[in-house]
């Protein structure tokens, strides 16, 4: 049994219960269910932190769509939504990133932000001002283990990988991209 079997069972019940809801009243519901179906299907071969995050995101979209339904329809779906919520919470907890990795990412983000602020200040100082903190080569060394751990958890990190492959090309916008990419992973 894979980690998503219970989710698939609840999803089957949800589809059956939602089949008689008028799609003109709730056009988002069908789309949200299909997105969750696809996210869960992606976890059939195994679930990692990235897949669990995608499932959780799709579920949150579905929950919002259910909240938009007429109360009688929402009440009918509520027990199934509650079951899905419990199962998804358990799945995300079981696949969560190690707290040490989270701490490492937050410390790295702090350095990125310090460098970004210094670059922004430097634009207002004639002659460039002081030396920038956290040179890209040093950031690269810290980024390597983070990128490896995130890749092992199923996350793609193209901006972080760009820093690793070519630290000399790191600019303010690329630092922002890396920080945003890591924010999205941290949720």
C-alpha atoms as a PDB file:
ATOM      1  CA  UNK A   1       0.000   0.000   0.000  1.00  0.00           C
ATOM      2  CA  UNK A   2       1.307   3.433  -0.887  1.00  0.00           C
ATOM      3  CA  UNK A   3       0.954   6.514   1.268  1.00  0.00           C
ATOM      4  CA  UNK A   4      -1.877   7.856  -0.871  1.00  0.00           C
ATOM      5  CA  UNK A   5      -4.273   4.887  -0.749  1.00  0.00           C
ATOM      6  CA  UNK A   6      -6.356   6.396   2.048  1.00  0.00           C
ATOM      7  CA  UNK A   7      -6.467   9.715   0.191  1.00  0.00           C
ATOM      8  CA  UNK A   8      -7.624   7.982  -2.958  1.00  0.00           C
ATOM      9  CA  UNK A   9     -10.407   6.240  -1.035  1.00  0.00           C
ATOM     10  CA  UNK A  10     -11.617   9.533   0.454  1.00  0.00           C
ATOM     11  CA  UNK A  11     -11.331  11.161  -2.936  1.00  0.00           C
ATOM     12  CA  UNK A  12     -13.532   8.448  -4.450  1.00  0.00           C
ATOM     13  CA  UNK A  13     -16.172   9.214  -1.814  1.00  0.00           C
ATOM     14  CA  UNK A  14     -15.825  12.943  -2.476  1.00  0.00           C
ATOM     15  CA  UNK A  15     -16.328  12.523  -6.209  1.00  0.00           C
ATOM     16  CA  UNK A  16     -19.425  10.422  -5.626  1.00  0.00           C
ATOM     17  CA  UNK A  17     -20.867  12.907  -3.124  1.00  0.00           C
ATOM     18  CA  UNK A  18     -20.072  15.885  -5.362  1.00  0.00           C
ATOM     19  CA  UNK A  19     -21.442  14.331  -8.546  1.00  0.00           C
ATOM     20  CA  UNK A  20     -24.909  15.808  -8.101  1.00  0.00           C
ATOM     21  CA  UNK A  21     -23.782  19.341  -7.297  1.00  0.00           C
ATOM     22  CA  UNK A  22     -24.746  21.705 -10.092  1.00  0.00           C
ATOM     23  CA  UNK A  23     -21.567  22.696 -11.976  1.00  0.00           C
ATOM     24  CA  UNK A  24     -23.086  26.047 -12.868  1.00  0.00           C
ATOM     25  CA  UNK A  25     -23.350  26.877  -9.178  1.00  0.00           C
ATOM     26  CA  UNK A  26     -19.916  25.510  -8.368  1.00  0.00           C
ATOM     27  CA  UNK A  27     -17.665  25.550 -11.453  1.00  0.00           C
ATOM     28  CA  UNK A  28     -14.526  25.703  -9.315  1.00  0.00           C
ATOM     29  CA  UNK A  29     -15.405  22.512  -7.436  1.00  0.00           C
ATOM     30  CA  UNK A  30     -14.861  20.148 -10.365  1.00  0.00           C
ATOM     31  CA  UNK A  31     -11.600  21.819 -11.300  1.00  0.00           C
ATOM     32  CA  UNK A  32     -10.374  21.695  -7.694  1.00  0.00           C
ATOM     33  CA  UNK A  33     -11.239  18.015  -7.401  1.00  0.00           C
ATOM     34  CA  UNK A  34      -9.362  17.260 -10.634  1.00  0.00           C
ATOM     35  CA  UNK A  35      -6.294  19.152  -9.438  1.00  0.00           C
ATOM     36  CA  UNK A  36      -6.324  17.176  -6.190  1.00  0.00           C
ATOM     37  CA  UNK A  37      -6.778  13.928  -8.140  1.00  0.00           C
ATOM     38  CA  UNK A  38      -3.678  14.746 -10.185  1.00  0.00           C
ATOM     39  CA  UNK A  39      -1.639  15.746  -7.132  1.00  0.00           C
ATOM     40  CA  UNK A  40      -2.541  12.509  -5.356  1.00  0.00           C
ATOM     41  CA  UNK A  41      -1.841  10.466  -8.486  1.00  0.00           C
ATOM     42  CA  UNK A  42       1.668  11.950  -8.540  1.00  0.00           C
ATOM     43  CA  UNK A  43       2.222  10.311  -5.158  1.00  0.00           C
ATOM     44  CA  UNK A  44       1.360   6.765  -6.193  1.00  0.00           C
ATOM     45  CA  UNK A  45       5.009   5.859  -6.726  1.00  0.00           C
ATOM     46  CA  UNK A  46       5.926   7.373  -3.376  1.00  0.00           C
ATOM     47  CA  UNK A  47       5.439  10.548  -1.459  1.00  0.00           C
ATOM     48  CA  UNK A  48       8.160  12.991  -0.499  1.00  0.00           C
ATOM     49  CA  UNK A  49       7.943  16.494   0.966  1.00  0.00           C
ATOM     50  CA  UNK A  50       7.435  18.069  -2.452  1.00  0.00           C
ATOM     51  CA  UNK A  51       4.555  15.778  -3.444  1.00  0.00           C
ATOM     52  CA  UNK A  52       2.950  16.193  -0.015  1.00  0.00           C
ATOM     53  CA  UNK A  53       3.216  19.965  -0.409  1.00  0.00           C
ATOM     54  CA  UNK A  54       1.511  19.788  -3.817  1.00  0.00           C
ATOM     55  CA  UNK A  55      -1.265  17.627  -2.374  1.00  0.00           C
ATOM     56  CA  UNK A  56      -1.746  20.021   0.528  1.00  0.00           C
ATOM     57  CA  UNK A  57      -1.877  23.010  -1.828  1.00  0.00           C
ATOM     58  CA  UNK A  58      -4.490  21.295  -4.035  1.00  0.00           C
ATOM     59  CA  UNK A  59      -6.506  20.335  -0.970  1.00  0.00           C
ATOM     60  CA  UNK A  60      -6.518  23.929   0.283  1.00  0.00           C
ATOM     61  CA  UNK A  61      -7.865  25.017  -3.104  1.00  0.00           C
ATOM     62  CA  UNK A  62     -10.568  22.357  -2.859  1.00  0.00           C
ATOM     63  CA  UNK A  63     -11.468  23.483   0.666  1.00  0.00           C
ATOM     64  CA  UNK A  64     -11.911  27.033  -0.604  1.00  0.00           C
ATOM     65  CA  UNK A  65     -14.177  25.763  -3.397  1.00  0.00           C
ATOM     66  CA  UNK A  66     -16.281  23.798  -0.886  1.00  0.00           C
ATOM     67  CA  UNK A  67     -16.609  26.920   1.259  1.00  0.00           C
ATOM     68  CA  UNK A  68     -18.194  28.653  -1.740  1.00  0.00           C
ATOM     69  CA  UNK A  69     -20.915  26.016  -2.073  1.00  0.00           C
ATOM     70  CA  UNK A  70     -24.468  26.403  -0.801  1.00  0.00           C
ATOM     71  CA  UNK A  71     -24.513  25.388   2.867  1.00  0.00           C
ATOM     72  CA  UNK A  72     -26.452  22.159   2.290  1.00  0.00           C
ATOM     73  CA  UNK A  73     -23.878  20.933  -0.243  1.00  0.00           C
ATOM     74  CA  UNK A  74     -20.947  22.030   1.918  1.00  0.00           C
ATOM     75  CA  UNK A  75     -22.428  20.236   4.931  1.00  0.00           C
ATOM     76  CA  UNK A  76     -22.820  17.034   2.910  1.00  0.00           C
ATOM     77  CA  UNK A  77     -19.152  17.152   1.860  1.00  0.00           C
ATOM     78  CA  UNK A  78     -17.821  18.243   5.273  1.00  0.00           C
ATOM     79  CA  UNK A  79     -17.133  14.751   6.713  1.00  0.00           C
ATOM     80  CA  UNK A  80     -15.193  13.729   3.623  1.00  0.00           C
ATOM     81  CA  UNK A  81     -13.264  17.003   3.622  1.00  0.00           C
ATOM     82  CA  UNK A  82     -12.441  16.449   7.305  1.00  0.00           C
ATOM     83  CA  UNK A  83     -11.148  12.948   6.538  1.00  0.00           C
ATOM     84  CA  UNK A  84      -9.020  14.248   3.685  1.00  0.00           C
ATOM     85  CA  UNK A  85      -7.712  17.012   5.923  1.00  0.00           C
ATOM     86  CA  UNK A  86      -6.642  14.536   8.637  1.00  0.00           C
ATOM     87  CA  UNK A  87      -4.985  12.215   6.122  1.00  0.00           C
ATOM     88  CA  UNK A  88      -3.165  15.067   4.383  1.00  0.00           C
ATOM     89  CA  UNK A  89      -1.985  16.481   7.704  1.00  0.00           C
ATOM     90  CA  UNK A  90      -0.575  13.063   8.604  1.00  0.00           C
ATOM     91  CA  UNK A  91       1.091  12.753   5.199  1.00  0.00           C
ATOM     92  CA  UNK A  92       2.702  16.199   5.362  1.00  0.00           C
ATOM     93  CA  UNK A  93       3.909  15.540   8.915  1.00  0.00           C
ATOM     94  CA  UNK A  94       5.435  12.216   7.860  1.00  0.00           C
ATOM     95  CA  UNK A  95       7.277  13.770   4.919  1.00  0.00           C
ATOM     96  CA  UNK A  96       8.212  17.123   6.445  1.00  0.00           C
ATOM     97  CA  UNK A  97      11.699  18.461   6.015  1.00  0.00           C
ATOM     98  CA  UNK A  98      14.062  17.873   8.909  1.00  0.00           C
ATOM     99  CA  UNK A  99      13.983  20.828  11.346  1.00  0.00           C
ATOM    100  CA  UNK A 100      17.758  21.154  10.980  1.00  0.00           C
ATOM    101  CA  UNK A 101      17.299  21.707   7.239  1.00  0.00           C
ATOM    102  CA  UNK A 102      14.636  24.333   7.913  1.00  0.00           C
ATOM    103  CA  UNK A 103      17.008  26.134  10.280  1.00  0.00           C
ATOM    104  CA  UNK A 104      19.763  25.958   7.679  1.00  0.00           C
ATOM    105  CA  UNK A 105      17.459  27.399   4.999  1.00  0.00           C
ATOM    106  CA  UNK A 106      16.300  30.252   7.226  1.00  0.00           C
ATOM    107  CA  UNK A 107      19.894  31.172   8.109  1.00  0.00           C
ATOM    108  CA  UNK A 108      20.784  31.097   4.422  1.00  0.00           C
ATOM    109  CA  UNK A 109      17.794  33.289   3.582  1.00  0.00           C
ATOM    110  CA  UNK A 110      18.910  35.757   6.228  1.00  0.00           C
ATOM    111  CA  UNK A 111      22.279  36.061   4.490  1.00  0.00           C
ATOM    112  CA  UNK A 112      20.575  36.505   1.134  1.00  0.00           C
ATOM    113  CA  UNK A 113      18.450  39.326   2.543  1.00  0.00           C
ATOM    114  CA  UNK A 114      21.467  41.010   4.138  1.00  0.00           C
ATOM    115  CA  UNK A 115      23.250  40.972   0.799  1.00  0.00           C
ATOM    116  CA  UNK A 116      20.161  42.249  -1.028  1.00  0.00           C
ATOM    117  CA  UNK A 117      19.753  45.162   1.401  1.00  0.00           C
ATOM    118  CA  UNK A 118      23.427  46.046   1.050  1.00  0.00           C
ATOM    119  CA  UNK A 119      23.151  46.010  -2.747  1.00  0.00           C
ATOM    120  CA  UNK A 120      20.074  48.248  -2.581  1.00  0.00           C
ATOM    121  CA  UNK A 121      21.847  50.682  -0.216  1.00  0.00           C
ATOM    122  CA  UNK A 122      24.880  50.693  -2.463  1.00  0.00           C
ATOM    123  CA  UNK A 123      22.811  52.065  -5.340  1.00  0.00           C
ATOM    124  CA  UNK A 124      22.249  55.250  -3.339  1.00  0.00           C
ATOM    125  CA  UNK A 125      25.896  55.785  -2.384  1.00  0.00           C
ATOM    126  CA  UNK A 126      28.177  57.604  -4.756  1.00  0.00           C
ATOM    127  CA  UNK A 127      31.193  55.467  -5.585  1.00  0.00           C
ATOM    128  CA  UNK A 128      29.544  52.210  -4.498  1.00  0.00           C
ATOM    129  CA  UNK A 129      29.989  52.381  -0.751  1.00  0.00           C
ATOM    130  CA  UNK A 130      31.147  49.553   1.492  1.00  0.00           C
ATOM    131  CA  UNK A 131      31.997  45.973   0.607  1.00  0.00           C
ATOM    132  CA  UNK A 132      28.979  43.721   0.264  1.00  0.00           C
ATOM    133  CA  UNK A 133      28.419  41.002   2.876  1.00  0.00           C
ATOM    134  CA  UNK A 134      28.189  37.317   2.040  1.00  0.00           C
ATOM    135  CA  UNK A 135      30.023  37.010  -1.289  1.00  0.00           C
ATOM    136  CA  UNK A 136      28.377  34.709  -3.845  1.00  0.00           C
ATOM    137  CA  UNK A 137      31.195  32.166  -3.565  1.00  0.00           C
ATOM    138  CA  UNK A 138      30.495  31.795   0.162  1.00  0.00           C
ATOM    139  CA  UNK A 139      26.757  31.610  -0.472  1.00  0.00           C
ATOM    140  CA  UNK A 140      27.451  28.903  -3.041  1.00  0.00           C
ATOM    141  CA  UNK A 141      29.194  26.747  -0.433  1.00  0.00           C
ATOM    142  CA  UNK A 142      26.199  27.043   1.896  1.00  0.00           C
ATOM    143  CA  UNK A 143      23.765  26.440  -0.956  1.00  0.00           C
ATOM    144  CA  UNK A 144      25.241  23.095  -2.009  1.00  0.00           C
ATOM    145  CA  UNK A 145      24.056  21.004   0.991  1.00  0.00           C
ATOM    146  CA  UNK A 146      20.715  22.806   1.015  1.00  0.00           C
ATOM    147  CA  UNK A 147      20.149  22.051  -2.667  1.00  0.00           C
ATOM    148  CA  UNK A 148      21.076  18.395  -2.138  1.00  0.00           C
ATOM    149  CA  UNK A 149      18.676  18.008   0.765  1.00  0.00           C
ATOM    150  CA  UNK A 150      15.860  19.737  -1.080  1.00  0.00           C
ATOM    151  CA  UNK A 151      16.461  17.606  -4.187  1.00  0.00           C
ATOM    152  CA  UNK A 152      16.305  14.478  -2.008  1.00  0.00           C
ATOM    153  CA  UNK A 153      12.938  15.729  -0.710  1.00  0.00           C
ATOM    154  CA  UNK A 154      11.710  16.151  -4.304  1.00  0.00           C
ATOM    155  CA  UNK A 155      11.955  19.932  -4.614  1.00  0.00           C
ATOM    156  CA  UNK A 156      13.278  21.582  -7.740  1.00  0.00           C
ATOM    157  CA  UNK A 157      15.471  24.609  -7.087  1.00  0.00           C
ATOM    158  CA  UNK A 158      16.514  26.177 -10.404  1.00  0.00           C
ATOM    159  CA  UNK A 159      17.440  29.549  -8.872  1.00  0.00           C
ATOM    160  CA  UNK A 160      19.521  27.967  -6.133  1.00  0.00           C
ATOM    161  CA  UNK A 161      21.137  25.686  -8.700  1.00  0.00           C
ATOM    162  CA  UNK A 162      22.058  28.737 -10.809  1.00  0.00           C
ATOM    163  CA  UNK A 163      23.916  30.216  -7.822  1.00  0.00           C
ATOM    164  CA  UNK A 164      25.755  26.935  -7.345  1.00  0.00           C
ATOM    165  CA  UNK A 165      26.721  26.560 -10.994  1.00  0.00           C
ATOM    166  CA  UNK A 166      27.769  30.177 -11.568  1.00  0.00           C
ATOM    167  CA  UNK A 167      28.153  32.267  -8.410  1.00  0.00           C
ATOM    168  CA  UNK A 168      29.869  35.076 -10.330  1.00  0.00           C
ATOM    169  CA  UNK A 169      26.645  35.825 -12.201  1.00  0.00           C
ATOM    170  CA  UNK A 170      24.674  36.389  -8.981  1.00  0.00           C
ATOM    171  CA  UNK A 171      22.828  39.709  -9.014  1.00  0.00           C
ATOM    172  CA  UNK A 172      20.128  41.348  -6.913  1.00  0.00           C
ATOM    173  CA  UNK A 173      17.302  39.827  -8.962  1.00  0.00           C
ATOM    174  CA  UNK A 174      18.825  36.333  -8.725  1.00  0.00           C
ATOM    175  CA  UNK A 175      19.108  36.694  -4.937  1.00  0.00           C
ATOM    176  CA  UNK A 176      15.417  37.643  -4.864  1.00  0.00           C
ATOM    177  CA  UNK A 177      14.593  34.610  -6.992  1.00  0.00           C
ATOM    178  CA  UNK A 178      16.470  32.296  -4.627  1.00  0.00           C
ATOM    179  CA  UNK A 179      14.809  33.802  -1.553  1.00  0.00           C
ATOM    180  CA  UNK A 180      11.385  33.477  -3.190  1.00  0.00           C
ATOM    181  CA  UNK A 181      12.060  29.905  -4.248  1.00  0.00           C
ATOM    182  CA  UNK A 182      13.009  28.971  -0.691  1.00  0.00           C
ATOM    183  CA  UNK A 183       9.975  30.842   0.703  1.00  0.00           C
ATOM    184  CA  UNK A 184       7.735  28.758  -1.541  1.00  0.00           C
ATOM    185  CA  UNK A 185       9.332  25.546  -0.287  1.00  0.00           C
ATOM    186  CA  UNK A 186       9.031  26.572   3.353  1.00  0.00           C
ATOM    187  CA  UNK A 187       5.386  27.451   2.767  1.00  0.00           C
END
